[in-house]
Amino acid sequence: MALSHRTAISVSINQFVYLRKASMNAPLHPALALIQALFADRGRLVYGEKVTQLDHALQCGTLAALEQAHPALVLATFLHDIGHMQHRDAARAVEQGRDDAHEALGAKLLARWFGPEISEPVRLHVEAKRYLCKVQPSYLDSLSPLSLRTLQIQGGPMTEEEAQTFEQQPFFEDAVRLRRWDEAGKKAQMRTLPFEEFMQLAASQL
């Protein structure tokens, strides 16, 4: 999945026009229909960062593709915050300093249709942030203000024992890569692959 002439400026109105039209076209596999519906309904929401949920997803997925991650990891990266869009109180939870457990929600949803190579990096990406803050202290300096705030809610940097346990997880390396793209995908503007390409990728992984 390489960037081409089809690249678009993320959060363009065209993405939302596509989403709205796509949501009216049937039939779709239930997984694809739900993904489209969530982005169409809640993709414009902003949870404490300077980008929308759709913007962030497109940026992160594009970064993974640019680094030639395997297709399942590209899709996991694109969908890693889908739990935020499932959680109807996510924005308030962020404002109030509560953990919305979006990684668990998202992983549970994705595991209904996709393999662990997609759902597990999603489930582990919050723990990957805690891990990176333990093994690479300078990583803390790269975190956005919101990421720093939620880090404390999520348990802070891992202990040595927690880090060693985390390294035994089958998909820990993918989760760490995902988390790096997660932090990098928060730009006010970035050229990205179009939403349609990620939906085609999702269809190929079912």
C-alpha atoms as a PDB file:
ATOM      1  CA  MET A   1       0.000   0.000   0.000  1.00  0.00           C
ATOM      2  CA  ALA A   2       2.052   2.913  -1.270  1.00  0.00           C
ATOM      3  CA  LEU A   3       1.143   6.572  -1.445  1.00  0.00           C
ATOM      4  CA  SER A   4       0.102   7.567  -4.950  1.00  0.00           C
ATOM      5  CA  HIS A   5      -1.820  10.242  -6.829  1.00  0.00           C
ATOM      6  CA  ARG A   6      -4.852   9.142  -4.829  1.00  0.00           C
ATOM      7  CA  THR A   7      -3.470  10.550  -1.616  1.00  0.00           C
ATOM      8  CA  ALA A   8      -5.689  13.119   0.037  1.00  0.00           C
ATOM      9  CA  ILE A   9      -5.500  15.749   2.729  1.00  0.00           C
ATOM     10  CA  SER A  10      -6.901  14.077   5.835  1.00  0.00           C
ATOM     11  CA  VAL A  11     -10.159  15.291   7.320  1.00  0.00           C
ATOM     12  CA  SER A  12     -11.256  16.629   3.955  1.00  0.00           C
ATOM     13  CA  ILE A  13     -14.977  16.857   3.423  1.00  0.00           C
ATOM     14  CA  ASN A  14     -14.622  14.276   0.661  1.00  0.00           C
ATOM     15  CA  GLN A  15     -13.838  11.600   3.226  1.00  0.00           C
ATOM     16  CA  PHE A  16     -17.101  12.274   5.008  1.00  0.00           C
ATOM     17  CA  VAL A  17     -19.080  12.437   1.774  1.00  0.00           C
ATOM     18  CA  TYR A  18     -17.702   8.999   0.940  1.00  0.00           C
ATOM     19  CA  LEU A  19     -18.603   7.697   4.374  1.00  0.00           C
ATOM     20  CA  ARG A  20     -22.159   8.989   4.190  1.00  0.00           C
ATOM     21  CA  LYS A  21     -22.713   7.574   0.712  1.00  0.00           C
ATOM     22  CA  ALA A  22     -21.098   4.272   1.617  1.00  0.00           C
ATOM     23  CA  SER A  23     -23.295   3.919   4.689  1.00  0.00           C
ATOM     24  CA  MET A  24     -26.353   4.025   2.410  1.00  0.00           C
ATOM     25  CA  ASN A  25     -25.045   1.379   0.005  1.00  0.00           C
ATOM     26  CA  ALA A  26     -25.750  -2.253   0.803  1.00  0.00           C
ATOM     27  CA  PRO A  27     -25.020  -5.010   1.321  1.00  0.00           C
ATOM     28  CA  LEU A  28     -21.697  -4.940   3.119  1.00  0.00           C
ATOM     29  CA  HIS A  29     -20.050  -7.456   5.394  1.00  0.00           C
ATOM     30  CA  PRO A  30     -21.227  -6.609   8.939  1.00  0.00           C
ATOM     31  CA  ALA A  31     -17.682  -5.711  10.004  1.00  0.00           C
ATOM     32  CA  LEU A  32     -17.228  -3.260   7.145  1.00  0.00           C
ATOM     33  CA  ALA A  33     -20.683  -1.795   7.658  1.00  0.00           C
ATOM     34  CA  LEU A  34     -19.979  -1.188  11.340  1.00  0.00           C
ATOM     35  CA  ILE A  35     -16.559   0.361  10.708  1.00  0.00           C
ATOM     36  CA  GLN A  36     -18.037   2.705   8.120  1.00  0.00           C
ATOM     37  CA  ALA A  37     -20.950   3.597  10.382  1.00  0.00           C
ATOM     38  CA  LEU A  38     -18.697   4.400  13.345  1.00  0.00           C
ATOM     39  CA  PHE A  39     -16.466   6.674  11.305  1.00  0.00           C
ATOM     40  CA  ALA A  40     -19.462   8.330   9.633  1.00  0.00           C
ATOM     41  CA  ASP A  41     -21.170   8.948  12.970  1.00  0.00           C
ATOM     42  CA  ARG A  42     -18.215   9.748  15.198  1.00  0.00           C
ATOM     43  CA  GLY A  43     -15.202  10.312  12.970  1.00  0.00           C
ATOM     44  CA  ARG A  44     -15.438  14.089  13.363  1.00  0.00           C
ATOM     45  CA  LEU A  45     -15.071  13.918  17.138  1.00  0.00           C
ATOM     46  CA  VAL A  46     -11.943  15.285  18.797  1.00  0.00           C
ATOM     47  CA  TYR A  47     -10.821  13.797  22.114  1.00  0.00           C
ATOM     48  CA  GLY A  48      -8.373  16.319  23.493  1.00  0.00           C
ATOM     49  CA  GLU A  49      -5.997  16.288  20.508  1.00  0.00           C
ATOM     50  CA  LYS A  50      -5.790  18.638  17.518  1.00  0.00           C
ATOM     51  CA  VAL A  51      -7.057  15.986  15.099  1.00  0.00           C
ATOM     52  CA  THR A  52     -10.360  14.196  14.655  1.00  0.00           C
ATOM     53  CA  GLN A  53     -10.761  10.456  15.068  1.00  0.00           C
ATOM     54  CA  LEU A  54     -10.865   9.977  11.289  1.00  0.00           C
ATOM     55  CA  ASP A  55      -7.860  12.236  10.780  1.00  0.00           C
ATOM     56  CA  HIS A  56      -5.881  10.316  13.394  1.00  0.00           C
ATOM     57  CA  ALA A  57      -6.834   6.918  11.968  1.00  0.00           C
ATOM     58  CA  LEU A  58      -5.861   7.914   8.430  1.00  0.00           C
ATOM     59  CA  GLN A  59      -2.558   9.392   9.549  1.00  0.00           C
ATOM     60  CA  CYS A  60      -1.592   6.389  11.668  1.00  0.00           C
ATOM     61  CA  GLY A  61      -2.566   3.873   9.004  1.00  0.00           C
ATOM     62  CA  THR A  62      -0.626   5.798   6.382  1.00  0.00           C
ATOM     63  CA  LEU A  63       2.481   5.938   8.575  1.00  0.00           C
ATOM     64  CA  ALA A  64       2.300   2.164   9.029  1.00  0.00           C
ATOM     65  CA  ALA A  65       1.948   1.669   5.272  1.00  0.00           C
ATOM     66  CA  LEU A  66       4.879   3.978   4.565  1.00  0.00           C
ATOM     67  CA  GLU A  67       7.058   1.845   6.848  1.00  0.00           C
ATOM     68  CA  GLN A  68       5.903  -1.246   4.943  1.00  0.00           C
ATOM     69  CA  ALA A  69       4.240  -2.896   7.904  1.00  0.00           C
ATOM     70  CA  HIS A  70       2.454  -6.126   7.072  1.00  0.00           C
ATOM     71  CA  PRO A  71      -1.185  -5.638   5.974  1.00  0.00           C
ATOM     72  CA  ALA A  72      -2.725  -6.851   9.231  1.00  0.00           C
ATOM     73  CA  LEU A  73      -0.659  -4.366  11.231  1.00  0.00           C
ATOM     74  CA  VAL A  74      -1.551  -1.526   8.862  1.00  0.00           C
ATOM     75  CA  LEU A  75      -5.227  -2.310   9.443  1.00  0.00           C
ATOM     76  CA  ALA A  76      -4.751  -2.652  13.204  1.00  0.00           C
ATOM     77  CA  THR A  77      -3.043   0.728  13.237  1.00  0.00           C
ATOM     78  CA  PHE A  78      -5.862   2.330  11.258  1.00  0.00           C
ATOM     79  CA  LEU A  79      -8.467   0.852  13.638  1.00  0.00           C
ATOM     80  CA  HIS A  80      -6.567   1.052  16.924  1.00  0.00           C
ATOM     81  CA  ASP A  81      -8.840   3.725  18.439  1.00  0.00           C
ATOM     82  CA  ILE A  82     -12.137   2.312  17.221  1.00  0.00           C
ATOM     83  CA  GLY A  83     -13.009   1.696  20.870  1.00  0.00           C
ATOM     84  CA  HIS A  84     -13.154   5.468  21.418  1.00  0.00           C
ATOM     85  CA  MET A  85     -15.929   5.643  18.850  1.00  0.00           C
ATOM     86  CA  GLN A  86     -17.818   2.761  20.449  1.00  0.00           C
ATOM     87  CA  HIS A  87     -17.674   4.446  23.854  1.00  0.00           C
ATOM     88  CA  ARG A  88     -20.465   7.024  23.869  1.00  0.00           C
ATOM     89  CA  ASP A  89     -18.957   8.775  26.883  1.00  0.00           C
ATOM     90  CA  ALA A  90     -15.348   8.804  25.663  1.00  0.00           C
ATOM     91  CA  ALA A  91     -14.984  12.570  25.339  1.00  0.00           C
ATOM     92  CA  ARG A  92     -16.343  13.162  28.829  1.00  0.00           C
ATOM     93  CA  ALA A  93     -14.136  10.397  30.224  1.00  0.00           C
ATOM     94  CA  VAL A  94     -11.067  12.154  28.826  1.00  0.00           C
ATOM     95  CA  GLU A  95     -12.179  15.505  30.240  1.00  0.00           C
ATOM     96  CA  GLN A  96     -12.827  13.971  33.664  1.00  0.00           C
ATOM     97  CA  GLY A  97      -9.593  11.990  33.784  1.00  0.00           C
ATOM     98  CA  ARG A  98     -11.256   8.576  33.535  1.00  0.00           C
ATOM     99  CA  ASP A  99      -9.962   5.631  31.540  1.00  0.00           C
ATOM    100  CA  ASP A 100     -12.469   4.624  28.854  1.00  0.00           C
ATOM    101  CA  ALA A 101     -10.653   1.286  28.272  1.00  0.00           C
ATOM    102  CA  HIS A 102     -10.933   1.918  24.544  1.00  0.00           C
ATOM    103  CA  GLU A 103      -8.212  -0.592  23.731  1.00  0.00           C
ATOM    104  CA  ALA A 104     -10.198  -3.437  25.311  1.00  0.00           C
ATOM    105  CA  LEU A 105     -13.457  -2.340  23.697  1.00  0.00           C
ATOM    106  CA  GLY A 106     -11.860  -2.056  20.283  1.00  0.00           C
ATOM    107  CA  ALA A 107     -10.013  -5.361  20.506  1.00  0.00           C
ATOM    108  CA  LYS A 108     -13.157  -7.206  21.584  1.00  0.00           C
ATOM    109  CA  LEU A 109     -15.073  -5.783  18.639  1.00  0.00           C
ATOM    110  CA  LEU A 110     -12.364  -6.552  16.091  1.00  0.00           C
ATOM    111  CA  ALA A 111     -11.859 -10.092  17.401  1.00  0.00           C
ATOM    112  CA  ARG A 112     -15.405 -10.909  16.275  1.00  0.00           C
ATOM    113  CA  TRP A 113     -14.291 -10.812  12.633  1.00  0.00           C
ATOM    114  CA  PHE A 114     -10.514 -10.465  12.428  1.00  0.00           C
ATOM    115  CA  GLY A 115      -7.602 -12.557  13.636  1.00  0.00           C
ATOM    116  CA  PRO A 116      -5.375 -11.872  16.653  1.00  0.00           C
ATOM    117  CA  GLU A 117      -2.754 -10.285  14.396  1.00  0.00           C
ATOM    118  CA  ILE A 118      -5.230  -7.382  14.174  1.00  0.00           C
ATOM    119  CA  SER A 119      -7.087  -7.428  17.487  1.00  0.00           C
ATOM    120  CA  GLU A 120      -4.092  -8.077  19.753  1.00  0.00           C
ATOM    121  CA  PRO A 121      -1.937  -5.072  18.773  1.00  0.00           C
ATOM    122  CA  VAL A 122      -5.065  -2.966  19.338  1.00  0.00           C
ATOM    123  CA  ARG A 123      -5.590  -4.521  22.766  1.00  0.00           C
ATOM    124  CA  LEU A 124      -1.953  -3.965  23.711  1.00  0.00           C
ATOM    125  CA  HIS A 125      -1.300  -0.479  22.331  1.00  0.00           C
ATOM    126  CA  VAL A 126      -2.016   1.350  25.604  1.00  0.00           C
ATOM    127  CA  GLU A 127       0.277  -1.008  27.486  1.00  0.00           C
ATOM    128  CA  ALA A 128       2.853  -0.380  24.754  1.00  0.00           C
ATOM    129  CA  LYS A 129       2.861   3.299  25.699  1.00  0.00           C
ATOM    130  CA  ARG A 130       3.560   2.391  29.324  1.00  0.00           C
ATOM    131  CA  TYR A 131       6.270  -0.023  28.143  1.00  0.00           C
ATOM    132  CA  LEU A 132       8.024   2.549  25.960  1.00  0.00           C
ATOM    133  CA  CYS A 133       8.025   5.057  28.796  1.00  0.00           C
ATOM    134  CA  LYS A 134       9.840   2.468  30.920  1.00  0.00           C
ATOM    135  CA  VAL A 135      12.445   1.177  28.457  1.00  0.00           C
ATOM    136  CA  GLN A 136      12.989   4.474  26.636  1.00  0.00           C
ATOM    137  CA  PRO A 137      12.562   7.342  29.126  1.00  0.00           C
ATOM    138  CA  SER A 138      13.097   9.926  26.375  1.00  0.00           C
ATOM    139  CA  TYR A 139       9.855   8.671  24.829  1.00  0.00           C
ATOM    140  CA  LEU A 140       8.035  10.657  27.493  1.00  0.00           C
ATOM    141  CA  ASP A 141       9.253  13.843  25.811  1.00  0.00           C
ATOM    142  CA  SER A 142       7.479  12.877  22.588  1.00  0.00           C
ATOM    143  CA  LEU A 143       4.064  12.483  24.205  1.00  0.00           C
ATOM    144  CA  SER A 144       1.359  15.048  23.608  1.00  0.00           C
ATOM    145  CA  PRO A 145      -0.162  16.756  26.676  1.00  0.00           C
ATOM    146  CA  LEU A 146      -3.178  14.458  26.445  1.00  0.00           C
ATOM    147  CA  SER A 147      -1.001  11.348  26.173  1.00  0.00           C
ATOM    148  CA  LEU A 148       0.923  12.448  29.254  1.00  0.00           C
ATOM    149  CA  ARG A 149      -2.305  12.974  31.163  1.00  0.00           C
ATOM    150  CA  THR A 150      -3.806   9.645  30.142  1.00  0.00           C
ATOM    151  CA  LEU A 151      -0.513   7.869  30.895  1.00  0.00           C
ATOM    152  CA  GLN A 152      -1.081   8.527  34.581  1.00  0.00           C
ATOM    153  CA  ILE A 153      -4.677   7.309  34.361  1.00  0.00           C
ATOM    154  CA  GLN A 154      -3.458   4.156  32.622  1.00  0.00           C
ATOM    155  CA  GLY A 155      -0.925   3.309  35.321  1.00  0.00           C
ATOM    156  CA  GLY A 156       2.174   5.326  34.431  1.00  0.00           C
ATOM    157  CA  PRO A 157       5.406   3.815  33.096  1.00  0.00           C
ATOM    158  CA  MET A 158       5.709   0.068  33.621  1.00  0.00           C
ATOM    159  CA  THR A 159       7.786  -1.450  36.353  1.00  0.00           C
ATOM    160  CA  GLU A 160      10.710  -3.661  35.367  1.00  0.00           C
ATOM    161  CA  GLU A 161       8.621  -6.753  36.100  1.00  0.00           C
ATOM    162  CA  GLU A 162       5.683  -5.458  34.060  1.00  0.00           C
ATOM    163  CA  ALA A 163       7.970  -4.680  31.126  1.00  0.00           C
ATOM    164  CA  GLN A 164       9.460  -8.169  31.162  1.00  0.00           C
ATOM    165  CA  THR A 165       5.987  -9.705  31.261  1.00  0.00           C
ATOM    166  CA  PHE A 166       4.825  -7.480  28.424  1.00  0.00           C
ATOM    167  CA  GLU A 167       7.741  -8.611  26.255  1.00  0.00           C
ATOM    168  CA  GLN A 168       6.376 -12.164  26.458  1.00  0.00           C
ATOM    169  CA  GLN A 169       3.131 -11.177  24.740  1.00  0.00           C
ATOM    170  CA  PRO A 170       2.983 -12.725  21.238  1.00  0.00           C
ATOM    171  CA  PHE A 171       2.208  -9.395  19.545  1.00  0.00           C
ATOM    172  CA  PHE A 172       4.170  -7.033  21.743  1.00  0.00           C
ATOM    173  CA  GLU A 173       6.523  -5.883  18.963  1.00  0.00           C
ATOM    174  CA  ASP A 174       3.601  -5.034  16.690  1.00  0.00           C
ATOM    175  CA  ALA A 175       1.926  -3.184  19.558  1.00  0.00           C
ATOM    176  CA  VAL A 176       5.067  -1.123  20.143  1.00  0.00           C
ATOM    177  CA  ARG A 177       5.272  -0.199  16.455  1.00  0.00           C
ATOM    178  CA  LEU A 178       1.587   0.707  16.469  1.00  0.00           C
ATOM    179  CA  ARG A 179       2.063   2.908  19.507  1.00  0.00           C
ATOM    180  CA  ARG A 180       4.875   4.866  17.840  1.00  0.00           C
ATOM    181  CA  TRP A 181       2.641   5.587  14.852  1.00  0.00           C
ATOM    182  CA  ASP A 182      -0.175   6.438  17.257  1.00  0.00           C
ATOM    183  CA  GLU A 183       1.839   9.273  18.786  1.00  0.00           C
ATOM    184  CA  ALA A 184       3.124  10.469  15.413  1.00  0.00           C
ATOM    185  CA  GLY A 185      -0.303  10.589  13.769  1.00  0.00           C
ATOM    186  CA  LYS A 186      -1.563  13.796  15.351  1.00  0.00           C
ATOM    187  CA  LYS A 187      -0.602  16.443  12.812  1.00  0.00           C
ATOM    188  CA  ALA A 188      -2.861  19.351  11.922  1.00  0.00           C
ATOM    189  CA  GLN A 189      -2.405  18.451   8.248  1.00  0.00           C
ATOM    190  CA  MET A 190      -0.911  15.396   6.593  1.00  0.00           C
ATOM    191  CA  ARG A 191      -1.291  13.747   3.218  1.00  0.00           C
ATOM    192  CA  THR A 192      -2.790  10.319   3.712  1.00  0.00           C
ATOM    193  CA  LEU A 193      -4.042   7.299   1.890  1.00  0.00           C
ATOM    194  CA  PRO A 194      -7.792   7.595   1.292  1.00  0.00           C
ATOM    195  CA  PHE A 195     -10.368   5.958   3.515  1.00  0.00           C
ATOM    196  CA  GLU A 196     -11.425   3.644   0.662  1.00  0.00           C
ATOM    197  CA  GLU A 197      -8.017   1.953   0.612  1.00  0.00           C
ATOM    198  CA  PHE A 198      -8.253   1.053   4.275  1.00  0.00           C
ATOM    199  CA  MET A 199     -11.744  -0.339   3.750  1.00  0.00           C
ATOM    200  CA  GLN A 200     -10.430  -2.466   0.889  1.00  0.00           C
ATOM    201  CA  LEU A 201      -7.658  -3.645   3.178  1.00  0.00           C
ATOM    202  CA  ALA A 202     -10.203  -4.516   5.872  1.00  0.00           C
ATOM    203  CA  ALA A 203     -12.214  -6.536   3.352  1.00  0.00           C
ATOM    204  CA  SER A 204      -9.083  -8.473   2.392  1.00  0.00           C
ATOM    205  CA  GLN A 205      -8.429  -9.427   6.027  1.00  0.00           C
ATOM    206  CA  LEU A 206     -11.859 -10.911   6.783  1.00  0.00           C
END
